[in-house]
């Protein structure tokens, strides 16, 4: 068990071991569940996967690399609804 000490202002600093276990950085939220008998459960909220999923969706198996001109042409066609 790891002990922490409360300051006179009611603040607690978690040791690196605890922060690493929760995978939290300064500014990240930590959820606190209050249990009977003066016990608590601390847990880090699940990390959102939306941005990681988005970048995975952009992956394509083609080896072709589009030039800036080709990308601009595709954008113009898309906006004008040309095929």
PDB file of N, CA and C in Angstrom:
ATOM      1  N   UNK A   1       0.855  -1.173   0.000  1.00  0.00           N
ATOM      2  CA  UNK A   1       0.000   0.000   0.000  1.00  0.00           C
ATOM      3  C   UNK A   1       0.900   1.235   0.000  1.00  0.00           C
ATOM      4  N   UNK A   2       0.503   2.247  -0.747  1.00  0.00           N
ATOM      5  CA  UNK A   2       1.244   3.501  -0.818  1.00  0.00           C
ATOM      6  C   UNK A   2       0.483   4.561  -0.034  1.00  0.00           C
ATOM      7  N   UNK A   3       1.180   5.263   0.848  1.00  0.00           N
ATOM      8  CA  UNK A   3       0.554   6.312   1.655  1.00  0.00           C
ATOM      9  C   UNK A   3       0.836   7.679   1.039  1.00  0.00           C
ATOM     10  N   UNK A   4      -0.137   8.572   1.137  1.00  0.00           N
ATOM     11  CA  UNK A   4       0.029   9.965   0.726  1.00  0.00           C
ATOM     12  C   UNK A   4      -0.343  10.834   1.918  1.00  0.00           C
ATOM     13  N   UNK A   5       0.141  12.072   1.927  1.00  0.00           N
ATOM     14  CA  UNK A   5      -0.110  12.983   3.045  1.00  0.00           C
ATOM     15  C   UNK A   5      -0.910  14.177   2.557  1.00  0.00           C
ATOM     16  N   UNK A   6      -1.915  14.578   3.319  1.00  0.00           N
ATOM     17  CA  UNK A   6      -2.723  15.735   2.971  1.00  0.00           C
ATOM     18  C   UNK A   6      -2.083  16.988   3.551  1.00  0.00           C
ATOM     19  N   UNK A   7      -2.087  18.068   2.742  1.00  0.00           N
ATOM     20  CA  UNK A   7      -1.556  19.350   3.217  1.00  0.00           C
ATOM     21  C   UNK A   7      -2.610  20.065   4.054  1.00  0.00           C
ATOM     22  N   UNK A   8      -2.216  21.172   4.657  1.00  0.00           N
ATOM     23  CA  UNK A   8      -3.160  21.962   5.457  1.00  0.00           C
ATOM     24  C   UNK A   8      -4.271  22.554   4.596  1.00  0.00           C
ATOM     25  N   UNK A   9      -4.064  22.615   3.290  1.00  0.00           N
ATOM     26  CA  UNK A   9      -5.087  23.130   2.371  1.00  0.00           C
ATOM     27  C   UNK A   9      -5.976  22.011   1.828  1.00  0.00           C
ATOM     28  N   UNK A  10      -5.793  20.795   2.298  1.00  0.00           N
ATOM     29  CA  UNK A  10      -6.627  19.678   1.863  1.00  0.00           C
ATOM     30  C   UNK A  10      -6.195  19.065   0.547  1.00  0.00           C
ATOM     31  N   UNK A  11      -4.969  19.340   0.122  1.00  0.00           N
ATOM     32  CA  UNK A  11      -4.478  18.811  -1.144  1.00  0.00           C
ATOM     33  C   UNK A  11      -3.593  17.602  -0.911  1.00  0.00           C
ATOM     34  N   UNK A  12      -3.619  16.695  -1.886  1.00  0.00           N
ATOM     35  CA  UNK A  12      -2.807  15.488  -1.822  1.00  0.00           C
ATOM     36  C   UNK A  12      -1.994  15.403  -3.103  1.00  0.00           C
ATOM     37  N   UNK A  13      -0.731  15.081  -2.969  1.00  0.00           N
ATOM     38  CA  UNK A  13       0.119  14.850  -4.133  1.00  0.00           C
ATOM     39  C   UNK A  13       0.324  13.354  -4.269  1.00  0.00           C
ATOM     40  N   UNK A  14      -0.023  12.823  -5.449  1.00  0.00           N
ATOM     41  CA  UNK A  14       0.159  11.399  -5.686  1.00  0.00           C
ATOM     42  C   UNK A  14       1.585  11.138  -6.155  1.00  0.00           C
ATOM     43  N   UNK A  15       2.188  10.119  -5.602  1.00  0.00           N
ATOM     44  CA  UNK A  15       3.543   9.750  -5.991  1.00  0.00           C
ATOM     45  C   UNK A  15       3.551   9.258  -7.434  1.00  0.00           C
ATOM     46  N   UNK A  16       4.725   9.309  -8.036  1.00  0.00           N
ATOM     47  CA  UNK A  16       4.886   8.918  -9.439  1.00  0.00           C
ATOM     48  C   UNK A  16       4.330   7.523  -9.702  1.00  0.00           C
ATOM     49  N   UNK A  17       4.536   6.616  -8.790  1.00  0.00           N
ATOM     50  CA  UNK A  17       4.042   5.242  -8.935  1.00  0.00           C
ATOM     51  C   UNK A  17       2.521   5.222  -9.163  1.00  0.00           C
ATOM     52  N   UNK A  18       1.791   6.040  -8.426  1.00  0.00           N
ATOM     53  CA  UNK A  18       0.330   6.101  -8.547  1.00  0.00           C
ATOM     54  C   UNK A  18      -0.060   6.787  -9.847  1.00  0.00           C
ATOM     55  N   UNK A  19       0.588   7.916 -10.172  1.00  0.00           N
ATOM     56  CA  UNK A  19       0.283   8.624 -11.422  1.00  0.00           C
ATOM     57  C   UNK A  19       0.546   7.742 -12.628  1.00  0.00           C
ATOM     58  N   UNK A  20       1.641   6.999 -12.598  1.00  0.00           N
ATOM     59  CA  UNK A  20       1.959   6.097 -13.703  1.00  0.00           C
ATOM     60  C   UNK A  20       0.927   4.980 -13.811  1.00  0.00           C
ATOM     61  N   UNK A  21       0.507   4.451 -12.666  1.00  0.00           N
ATOM     62  CA  UNK A  21      -0.483   3.375 -12.667  1.00  0.00           C
ATOM     63  C   UNK A  21      -1.818   3.840 -13.253  1.00  0.00           C
ATOM     64  N   UNK A  22      -2.228   5.068 -12.904  1.00  0.00           N
ATOM     65  CA  UNK A  22      -3.469   5.633 -13.426  1.00  0.00           C
ATOM     66  C   UNK A  22      -3.304   6.198 -14.833  1.00  0.00           C
ATOM     67  N   UNK A  23      -2.063   6.353 -15.277  1.00  0.00           N
ATOM     68  CA  UNK A  23      -1.737   6.950 -16.576  1.00  0.00           C
ATOM     69  C   UNK A  23      -2.358   8.338 -16.700  1.00  0.00           C
ATOM     70  N   UNK A  24      -2.110   9.176 -15.683  1.00  0.00           N
ATOM     71  CA  UNK A  24      -2.618  10.544 -15.689  1.00  0.00           C
ATOM     72  C   UNK A  24      -1.459  11.528 -15.669  1.00  0.00           C
ATOM     73  N   UNK A  25      -1.710  12.683 -16.250  1.00  0.00           N
ATOM     74  CA  UNK A  25      -0.746  13.782 -16.297  1.00  0.00           C
ATOM     75  C   UNK A  25      -1.398  14.992 -15.635  1.00  0.00           C
ATOM     76  N   UNK A  26      -0.640  16.042 -15.352  1.00  0.00           N
ATOM     77  CA  UNK A  26      -1.239  17.238 -14.762  1.00  0.00           C
ATOM     78  C   UNK A  26      -2.408  17.746 -15.608  1.00  0.00           C
ATOM     79  N   UNK A  27      -3.530  18.025 -14.945  1.00  0.00           N
ATOM     80  CA  UNK A  27      -4.721  18.502 -15.638  1.00  0.00           C
ATOM     81  C   UNK A  27      -5.704  17.404 -16.014  1.00  0.00           C
ATOM     82  N   UNK A  28      -5.286  16.138 -15.988  1.00  0.00           N
ATOM     83  CA  UNK A  28      -6.202  15.029 -16.296  1.00  0.00           C
ATOM     84  C   UNK A  28      -7.145  14.798 -15.123  1.00  0.00           C
ATOM     85  N   UNK A  29      -8.388  14.456 -15.414  1.00  0.00           N
ATOM     86  CA  UNK A  29      -9.328  14.186 -14.324  1.00  0.00           C
ATOM     87  C   UNK A  29      -9.076  12.809 -13.703  1.00  0.00           C
ATOM     88  N   UNK A  30      -9.439  12.671 -12.453  1.00  0.00           N
ATOM     89  CA  UNK A  30      -9.412  11.381 -11.752  1.00  0.00           C
ATOM     90  C   UNK A  30     -10.779  11.233 -11.097  1.00  0.00           C
ATOM     91  N   UNK A  31     -11.455  10.115 -11.381  1.00  0.00           N
ATOM     92  CA  UNK A  31     -12.765   9.883 -10.785  1.00  0.00           C
ATOM     93  C   UNK A  31     -12.588   9.311  -9.379  1.00  0.00           C
ATOM     94  N   UNK A  32     -13.435   9.749  -8.455  1.00  0.00           N
ATOM     95  CA  UNK A  32     -13.387   9.288  -7.069  1.00  0.00           C
ATOM     96  C   UNK A  32     -14.751   8.728  -6.698  1.00  0.00           C
ATOM     97  N   UNK A  33     -14.799   7.450  -6.346  1.00  0.00           N
ATOM     98  CA  UNK A  33     -16.025   6.817  -5.859  1.00  0.00           C
ATOM     99  C   UNK A  33     -15.900   6.668  -4.351  1.00  0.00           C
ATOM    100  N   UNK A  34     -16.871   7.220  -3.613  1.00  0.00           N
ATOM    101  CA  UNK A  34     -16.875   7.137  -2.154  1.00  0.00           C
ATOM    102  C   UNK A  34     -17.558   5.843  -1.721  1.00  0.00           C
ATOM    103  N   UNK A  35     -16.889   5.082  -0.870  1.00  0.00           N
ATOM    104  CA  UNK A  35     -17.407   3.815  -0.368  1.00  0.00           C
ATOM    105  C   UNK A  35     -17.659   3.902   1.129  1.00  0.00           C
ATOM    106  N   UNK A  36     -18.466   3.010   1.662  1.00  0.00           N
ATOM    107  CA  UNK A  36     -18.689   3.002   3.115  1.00  0.00           C
ATOM    108  C   UNK A  36     -17.385   2.731   3.871  1.00  0.00           C
ATOM    109  N   UNK A  37     -17.335   3.163   5.092  1.00  0.00           N
ATOM    110  CA  UNK A  37     -16.178   2.887   5.934  1.00  0.00           C
ATOM    111  C   UNK A  37     -14.980   3.776   5.652  1.00  0.00           C
ATOM    112  N   UNK A  38     -15.208   4.925   5.014  1.00  0.00           N
ATOM    113  CA  UNK A  38     -14.103   5.849   4.759  1.00  0.00           C
ATOM    114  C   UNK A  38     -13.171   5.411   3.640  1.00  0.00           C
ATOM    115  N   UNK A  39     -13.639   4.545   2.769  1.00  0.00           N
ATOM    116  CA  UNK A  39     -12.814   4.063   1.653  1.00  0.00           C
ATOM    117  C   UNK A  39     -13.211   4.776   0.373  1.00  0.00           C
ATOM    118  N   UNK A  40     -12.272   4.880  -0.537  1.00  0.00           N
ATOM    119  CA  UNK A  40     -12.532   5.477  -1.847  1.00  0.00           C
ATOM    120  C   UNK A  40     -11.895   4.616  -2.929  1.00  0.00           C
ATOM    121  N   UNK A  41     -12.419   4.752  -4.123  1.00  0.00           N
ATOM    122  CA  UNK A  41     -11.810   4.140  -5.302  1.00  0.00           C
ATOM    123  C   UNK A  41     -11.417   5.282  -6.225  1.00  0.00           C
ATOM    124  N   UNK A  42     -10.165   5.309  -6.640  1.00  0.00           N
ATOM    125  CA  UNK A  42      -9.684   6.296  -7.603  1.00  0.00           C
ATOM    126  C   UNK A  42      -9.519   5.593  -8.938  1.00  0.00           C
ATOM    127  N   UNK A  43      -9.990   6.244 -10.008  1.00  0.00           N
ATOM    128  CA  UNK A  43      -9.764   5.668 -11.331  1.00  0.00           C
ATOM    129  C   UNK A  43      -9.685   6.780 -12.359  1.00  0.00           C
ATOM    130  N   UNK A  44      -8.858   6.538 -13.348  1.00  0.00           N
ATOM    131  CA  UNK A  44      -8.743   7.483 -14.449  1.00  0.00           C
ATOM    132  C   UNK A  44      -9.846   7.159 -15.449  1.00  0.00           C
ATOM    133  N   UNK A  45     -10.566   8.172 -15.943  1.00  0.00           N
ATOM    134  CA  UNK A  45     -11.602   7.916 -16.938  1.00  0.00           C
ATOM    135  C   UNK A  45     -10.986   7.303 -18.195  1.00  0.00           C
ATOM    136  N   UNK A  46     -11.792   6.564 -18.926  1.00  0.00           N
ATOM    137  CA  UNK A  46     -11.315   5.961 -20.171  1.00  0.00           C
ATOM    138  C   UNK A  46     -10.869   7.054 -21.125  1.00  0.00           C
ATOM    139  N   UNK A  47      -9.798   6.797 -21.832  1.00  0.00           N
ATOM    140  CA  UNK A  47      -9.279   7.758 -22.797  1.00  0.00           C
ATOM    141  C   UNK A  47     -10.105   7.678 -24.081  1.00  0.00           C
ATOM    142  N   UNK A  48     -10.470   8.817 -24.651  1.00  0.00           N
ATOM    143  CA  UNK A  48     -11.241   8.781 -25.893  1.00  0.00           C
ATOM    144  C   UNK A  48     -10.411   8.212 -27.035  1.00  0.00           C
ATOM    145  N   UNK A  49     -11.023   7.352 -27.820  1.00  0.00           N
ATOM    146  CA  UNK A  49     -10.334   6.726 -28.947  1.00  0.00           C
ATOM    147  C   UNK A  49     -10.693   7.363 -30.280  1.00  0.00           C
ATOM    148  N   UNK A  50     -11.597   8.336 -30.270  1.00  0.00           N
ATOM    149  CA  UNK A  50     -12.100   8.892 -31.525  1.00  0.00           C
ATOM    150  C   UNK A  50     -10.983   9.398 -32.416  1.00  0.00           C
ATOM    151  N   UNK A  51     -10.038  10.154 -31.873  1.00  0.00           N
ATOM    152  CA  UNK A  51      -8.985  10.698 -32.723  1.00  0.00           C
ATOM    153  C   UNK A  51      -8.100   9.589 -33.262  1.00  0.00           C
ATOM    154  N   UNK A  52      -7.808   8.571 -32.453  1.00  0.00           N
ATOM    155  CA  UNK A  52      -6.987   7.472 -32.933  1.00  0.00           C
ATOM    156  C   UNK A  52      -7.714   6.677 -34.000  1.00  0.00           C
ATOM    157  N   UNK A  53      -9.009   6.459 -33.830  1.00  0.00           N
ATOM    158  CA  UNK A  53      -9.798   5.747 -34.829  1.00  0.00           C
ATOM    159  C   UNK A  53      -9.851   6.540 -36.127  1.00  0.00           C
ATOM    160  N   UNK A  54      -9.962   7.863 -36.023  1.00  0.00           N
ATOM    161  CA  UNK A  54     -10.021   8.705 -37.212  1.00  0.00           C
ATOM    162  C   UNK A  54      -8.756   8.555 -38.042  1.00  0.00           C
ATOM    163  N   UNK A  55      -7.590   8.613 -37.407  1.00  0.00           N
ATOM    164  CA  UNK A  55      -6.355   8.513 -38.158  1.00  0.00           C
ATOM    165  C   UNK A  55      -6.186   7.130 -38.767  1.00  0.00           C
ATOM    166  N   UNK A  56      -6.682   6.110 -38.110  1.00  0.00           N
ATOM    167  CA  UNK A  56      -6.636   4.771 -38.684  1.00  0.00           C
ATOM    168  C   UNK A  56      -7.506   4.674 -39.925  1.00  0.00           C
ATOM    169  N   UNK A  57      -8.601   5.429 -39.968  1.00  0.00           N
ATOM    170  CA  UNK A  57      -9.501   5.408 -41.117  1.00  0.00           C
ATOM    171  C   UNK A  57      -8.856   6.052 -42.336  1.00  0.00           C
ATOM    172  N   UNK A  58      -7.888   6.905 -42.113  1.00  0.00           N
ATOM    173  CA  UNK A  58      -7.229   7.592 -43.220  1.00  0.00           C
ATOM    174  C   UNK A  58      -6.200   6.703 -43.912  1.00  0.00           C
ATOM    175  N   UNK A  59      -5.857   5.590 -43.302  1.00  0.00           N
ATOM    176  CA  UNK A  59      -4.843   4.708 -43.855  1.00  0.00           C
ATOM    177  C   UNK A  59      -5.395   4.027 -45.103  1.00  0.00           C
ATOM    178  N   UNK A  60      -4.579   3.956 -46.133  1.00  0.00           N
ATOM    179  CA  UNK A  60      -4.991   3.318 -47.376  1.00  0.00           C
ATOM    180  C   UNK A  60      -3.853   2.430 -47.847  1.00  0.00           C
ATOM    181  N   UNK A  61      -4.194   1.330 -48.490  1.00  0.00           N
ATOM    182  CA  UNK A  61      -3.176   0.373 -48.897  1.00  0.00           C
ATOM    183  C   UNK A  61      -2.455   0.773 -50.177  1.00  0.00           C
ATOM    184  N   UNK A  62      -2.956   1.753 -50.871  1.00  0.00           N
ATOM    185  CA  UNK A  62      -2.346   2.179 -52.123  1.00  0.00           C
ATOM    186  C   UNK A  62      -0.978   2.798 -51.860  1.00  0.00           C
ATOM    187  N   UNK A  63      -0.052   2.562 -52.774  1.00  0.00           N
ATOM    188  CA  UNK A  63       1.289   3.150 -52.655  1.00  0.00           C
ATOM    189  C   UNK A  63       1.359   4.493 -53.386  1.00  0.00           C
ATOM    190  N   UNK A  64       0.285   4.863 -54.142  1.00  0.00           N
ATOM    191  CA  UNK A  64       0.278   6.098 -54.907  1.00  0.00           C
ATOM    192  C   UNK A  64       0.232   7.295 -53.970  1.00  0.00           C
ATOM    193  N   UNK A  65       1.043   8.276 -54.270  1.00  0.00           N
ATOM    194  CA  UNK A  65       1.060   9.511 -53.497  1.00  0.00           C
ATOM    195  C   UNK A  65       0.537  10.617 -54.401  1.00  0.00           C
ATOM    196  N   UNK A  66      -0.509  11.307 -53.966  1.00  0.00           N
ATOM    197  CA  UNK A  66      -1.098  12.377 -54.769  1.00  0.00           C
ATOM    198  C   UNK A  66      -0.261  13.643 -54.647  1.00  0.00           C
ATOM    199  N   UNK A  67      -0.165  14.361 -55.763  1.00  0.00           N
ATOM    200  CA  UNK A  67       0.516  15.657 -55.740  1.00  0.00           C
ATOM    201  C   UNK A  67      -0.451  16.701 -55.203  1.00  0.00           C
ATOM    202  N   UNK A  68       0.063  17.861 -54.877  1.00  0.00           N
ATOM    203  CA  UNK A  68      -0.782  18.962 -54.401  1.00  0.00           C
ATOM    204  C   UNK A  68      -1.807  19.323 -55.477  1.00  0.00           C
ATOM    205  N   UNK A  69      -1.372  19.340 -56.731  1.00  0.00           N
ATOM    206  CA  UNK A  69      -2.274  19.677 -57.826  1.00  0.00           C
ATOM    207  C   UNK A  69      -3.417  18.666 -57.914  1.00  0.00           C
ATOM    208  N   UNK A  70      -3.109  17.355 -57.778  1.00  0.00           N
ATOM    209  CA  UNK A  70      -4.143  16.324 -57.826  1.00  0.00           C
ATOM    210  C   UNK A  70      -5.114  16.467 -56.645  1.00  0.00           C
ATOM    211  N   UNK A  71      -4.577  16.791 -55.473  1.00  0.00           N
ATOM    212  CA  UNK A  71      -5.446  16.986 -54.308  1.00  0.00           C
ATOM    213  C   UNK A  71      -6.355  18.188 -54.510  1.00  0.00           C
ATOM    214  N   UNK A  72      -5.803  19.297 -55.026  1.00  0.00           N
ATOM    215  CA  UNK A  72      -6.609  20.496 -55.274  1.00  0.00           C
ATOM    216  C   UNK A  72      -7.694  20.212 -56.299  1.00  0.00           C
ATOM    217  N   UNK A  73      -7.355  19.463 -57.342  1.00  0.00           N
ATOM    218  CA  UNK A  73      -8.339  19.111 -58.372  1.00  0.00           C
ATOM    219  C   UNK A  73      -9.465  18.260 -57.769  1.00  0.00           C
ATOM    220  N   UNK A  74      -9.124  17.307 -56.926  1.00  0.00           N
ATOM    221  CA  UNK A  74     -10.139  16.463 -56.285  1.00  0.00           C
ATOM    222  C   UNK A  74     -11.033  17.297 -55.376  1.00  0.00           C
ATOM    223  N   UNK A  75     -10.453  18.261 -54.684  1.00  0.00           N
ATOM    224  CA  UNK A  75     -11.241  19.129 -53.802  1.00  0.00           C
ATOM    225  C   UNK A  75     -12.223  19.957 -54.614  1.00  0.00           C
ATOM    226  N   UNK A  76     -11.750  20.529 -55.710  1.00  0.00           N
ATOM    227  CA  UNK A  76     -12.619  21.353 -56.569  1.00  0.00           C
ATOM    228  C   UNK A  76     -13.743  20.504 -57.146  1.00  0.00           C
ATOM    229  N   UNK A  77     -13.424  19.289 -57.602  1.00  0.00           N
ATOM    230  CA  UNK A  77     -14.452  18.402 -58.142  1.00  0.00           C
ATOM    231  C   UNK A  77     -15.464  18.050 -57.057  1.00  0.00           C
ATOM    232  N   UNK A  78     -14.991  17.823 -55.858  1.00  0.00           N
ATOM    233  CA  UNK A  78     -15.895  17.471 -54.752  1.00  0.00           C
ATOM    234  C   UNK A  78     -16.850  18.594 -54.423  1.00  0.00           C
ATOM    235  N   UNK A  79     -16.332  19.823 -54.400  1.00  0.00           N
ATOM    236  CA  UNK A  79     -17.192  20.969 -54.085  1.00  0.00           C
ATOM    237  C   UNK A  79     -18.177  21.252 -55.202  1.00  0.00           C
ATOM    238  N   UNK A  80     -17.760  21.020 -56.448  1.00  0.00           N
ATOM    239  CA  UNK A  80     -18.657  21.292 -57.563  1.00  0.00           C
ATOM    240  C   UNK A  80     -19.502  20.090 -57.925  1.00  0.00           C
ATOM    241  N   UNK A  81     -19.305  18.982 -57.173  1.00  0.00           N
ATOM    242  CA  UNK A  81     -20.042  17.736 -57.366  1.00  0.00           C
ATOM    243  C   UNK A  81     -19.828  17.131 -58.738  1.00  0.00           C
ATOM    244  N   UNK A  82     -18.640  17.367 -59.317  1.00  0.00           N
ATOM    245  CA  UNK A  82     -18.274  16.743 -60.583  1.00  0.00           C
ATOM    246  C   UNK A  82     -17.775  15.335 -60.320  1.00  0.00           C
ATOM    247  N   UNK A  83     -17.783  14.519 -61.372  1.00  0.00           N
ATOM    248  CA  UNK A  83     -17.253  13.165 -61.255  1.00  0.00           C
ATOM    249  C   UNK A  83     -16.024  12.998 -62.085  1.00  0.00           C
TER     250      UNK A  83
END
